[in-house]
Amino acid sequence: MVTARKIDKDRHERTSAAARALMEAERLTRQAKTARLREQRLAATPATKTPSPAEPPPRATGPKPPPMKKRKMTDIS
């Protein structure tokens, strides 16, 4: 006689719930770390106005040199 194997029907739900709880805890940890690092970065930044990366640096004003002329290429073969 073959004995019937006991099947745990709720195992998937329990493991899924445990995985969701673990992922939620990791997400909250990441968010707390990000907030802490952001606060450190903002505290270390000087209050003076610094140029933004999108803003080009000021350039010296004056006449530009004329552009170089293109040379013609000739085939010597």
C-alpha atoms as a PDB file:
ATOM      1  CA  MET A   1       0.000   0.000   0.000  1.00  0.00           C
ATOM      2  CA  VAL A   2       1.282   3.411  -0.958  1.00  0.00           C
ATOM      3  CA  THR A   3       0.874   6.116   1.617  1.00  0.00           C
ATOM      4  CA  ALA A   4      -0.415   9.428   0.470  1.00  0.00           C
ATOM      5  CA  ARG A   5       2.108  12.223   0.626  1.00  0.00           C
ATOM      6  CA  LYS A   6       1.117  15.194   2.706  1.00  0.00           C
ATOM      7  CA  ILE A   7       0.810  18.287   0.515  1.00  0.00           C
ATOM      8  CA  ASP A   8       1.331  21.690   2.063  1.00  0.00           C
ATOM      9  CA  LYS A   9      -1.116  23.826   0.124  1.00  0.00           C
ATOM     10  CA  ASP A  10      -0.381  27.040   2.015  1.00  0.00           C
ATOM     11  CA  ARG A  11       3.397  26.928   1.540  1.00  0.00           C
ATOM     12  CA  HIS A  12       3.385  29.205  -1.502  1.00  0.00           C
ATOM     13  CA  GLU A  13       1.305  31.837   0.261  1.00  0.00           C
ATOM     14  CA  ARG A  14       3.545  31.763   3.350  1.00  0.00           C
ATOM     15  CA  THR A  15       6.765  32.044   1.342  1.00  0.00           C
ATOM     16  CA  SER A  16       5.307  34.818  -0.801  1.00  0.00           C
ATOM     17  CA  ALA A  17       4.238  36.755   2.285  1.00  0.00           C
ATOM     18  CA  ALA A  18       7.680  36.286   3.848  1.00  0.00           C
ATOM     19  CA  ALA A  19       9.378  37.430   0.639  1.00  0.00           C
ATOM     20  CA  ARG A  20       7.132  40.497   0.435  1.00  0.00           C
ATOM     21  CA  ALA A  21       7.896  41.373   4.058  1.00  0.00           C
ATOM     22  CA  LEU A  22      11.634  40.992   3.440  1.00  0.00           C
ATOM     23  CA  MET A  23      11.510  43.127   0.286  1.00  0.00           C
ATOM     24  CA  GLU A  24       9.534  45.812   2.120  1.00  0.00           C
ATOM     25  CA  ALA A  25      12.103  45.884   4.942  1.00  0.00           C
ATOM     26  CA  GLU A  26      14.958  46.169   2.415  1.00  0.00           C
ATOM     27  CA  ARG A  27      13.145  48.971   0.578  1.00  0.00           C
ATOM     28  CA  LEU A  28      12.625  50.930   3.788  1.00  0.00           C
ATOM     29  CA  THR A  29      16.305  50.456   4.670  1.00  0.00           C
ATOM     30  CA  ARG A  30      17.368  51.756   1.240  1.00  0.00           C
ATOM     31  CA  GLN A  31      15.080  54.773   1.532  1.00  0.00           C
ATOM     32  CA  ALA A  32      16.435  55.608   4.995  1.00  0.00           C
ATOM     33  CA  LYS A  33      20.018  55.352   3.731  1.00  0.00           C
ATOM     34  CA  THR A  34      19.221  57.546   0.726  1.00  0.00           C
ATOM     35  CA  ALA A  35      17.615  60.191   2.946  1.00  0.00           C
ATOM     36  CA  ARG A  36      20.585  60.115   5.336  1.00  0.00           C
ATOM     37  CA  LEU A  37      23.109  60.491   2.505  1.00  0.00           C
ATOM     38  CA  ARG A  38      21.058  63.301   0.950  1.00  0.00           C
ATOM     39  CA  GLU A  39      21.066  65.170   4.265  1.00  0.00           C
ATOM     40  CA  GLN A  40      24.837  64.712   4.561  1.00  0.00           C
ATOM     41  CA  ARG A  41      25.374  65.975   1.022  1.00  0.00           C
ATOM     42  CA  LEU A  42      23.180  69.026   1.546  1.00  0.00           C
ATOM     43  CA  ALA A  43      24.881  69.820   4.850  1.00  0.00           C
ATOM     44  CA  ALA A  44      28.323  69.622   3.207  1.00  0.00           C
ATOM     45  CA  THR A  45      27.350  71.843   0.259  1.00  0.00           C
ATOM     46  CA  PRO A  46      28.375  75.489   0.746  1.00  0.00           C
ATOM     47  CA  ALA A  47      25.603  78.065   0.764  1.00  0.00           C
ATOM     48  CA  THR A  48      27.304  80.128  -1.969  1.00  0.00           C
ATOM     49  CA  LYS A  49      25.960  79.994  -5.492  1.00  0.00           C
ATOM     50  CA  THR A  50      27.774  77.411  -7.552  1.00  0.00           C
ATOM     51  CA  PRO A  51      27.242  77.162 -11.304  1.00  0.00           C
ATOM     52  CA  SER A  52      24.973  74.342 -12.279  1.00  0.00           C
ATOM     53  CA  PRO A  53      26.303  71.679 -14.651  1.00  0.00           C
ATOM     54  CA  ALA A  54      23.797  72.789 -17.304  1.00  0.00           C
ATOM     55  CA  GLU A  55      25.054  76.378 -17.139  1.00  0.00           C
ATOM     56  CA  PRO A  56      28.111  76.882 -19.381  1.00  0.00           C
ATOM     57  CA  PRO A  57      31.168  78.522 -17.820  1.00  0.00           C
ATOM     58  CA  PRO A  58      31.806  82.182 -18.693  1.00  0.00           C
ATOM     59  CA  ARG A  59      34.069  82.623 -21.711  1.00  0.00           C
ATOM     60  CA  ALA A  60      36.626  85.248 -22.481  1.00  0.00           C
ATOM     61  CA  THR A  61      35.266  87.866 -24.831  1.00  0.00           C
ATOM     62  CA  GLY A  62      37.327  88.841 -27.794  1.00  0.00           C
ATOM     63  CA  PRO A  63      37.771  88.156 -31.469  1.00  0.00           C
ATOM     64  CA  LYS A  64      37.785  84.541 -32.459  1.00  0.00           C
ATOM     65  CA  PRO A  65      40.600  83.288 -34.661  1.00  0.00           C
ATOM     66  CA  PRO A  66      39.516  82.437 -38.207  1.00  0.00           C
ATOM     67  CA  PRO A  67      38.660  78.774 -38.759  1.00  0.00           C
ATOM     68  CA  MET A  68      41.303  76.552 -40.340  1.00  0.00           C
ATOM     69  CA  LYS A  69      40.878  75.990 -44.072  1.00  0.00           C
ATOM     70  CA  LYS A  70      40.154  72.460 -45.204  1.00  0.00           C
ATOM     71  CA  ARG A  71      42.851  70.810 -47.276  1.00  0.00           C
ATOM     72  CA  LYS A  72      41.988  68.960 -50.428  1.00  0.00           C
ATOM     73  CA  MET A  73      42.901  65.307 -50.517  1.00  0.00           C
ATOM     74  CA  THR A  74      44.480  64.071 -53.718  1.00  0.00           C
ATOM     75  CA  ASP A  75      44.972  60.473 -54.683  1.00  0.00           C
ATOM     76  CA  ILE A  76      48.615  59.769 -55.551  1.00  0.00           C
ATOM     77  CA  SER A  77      48.215  56.220 -56.827  1.00  0.00           C
END
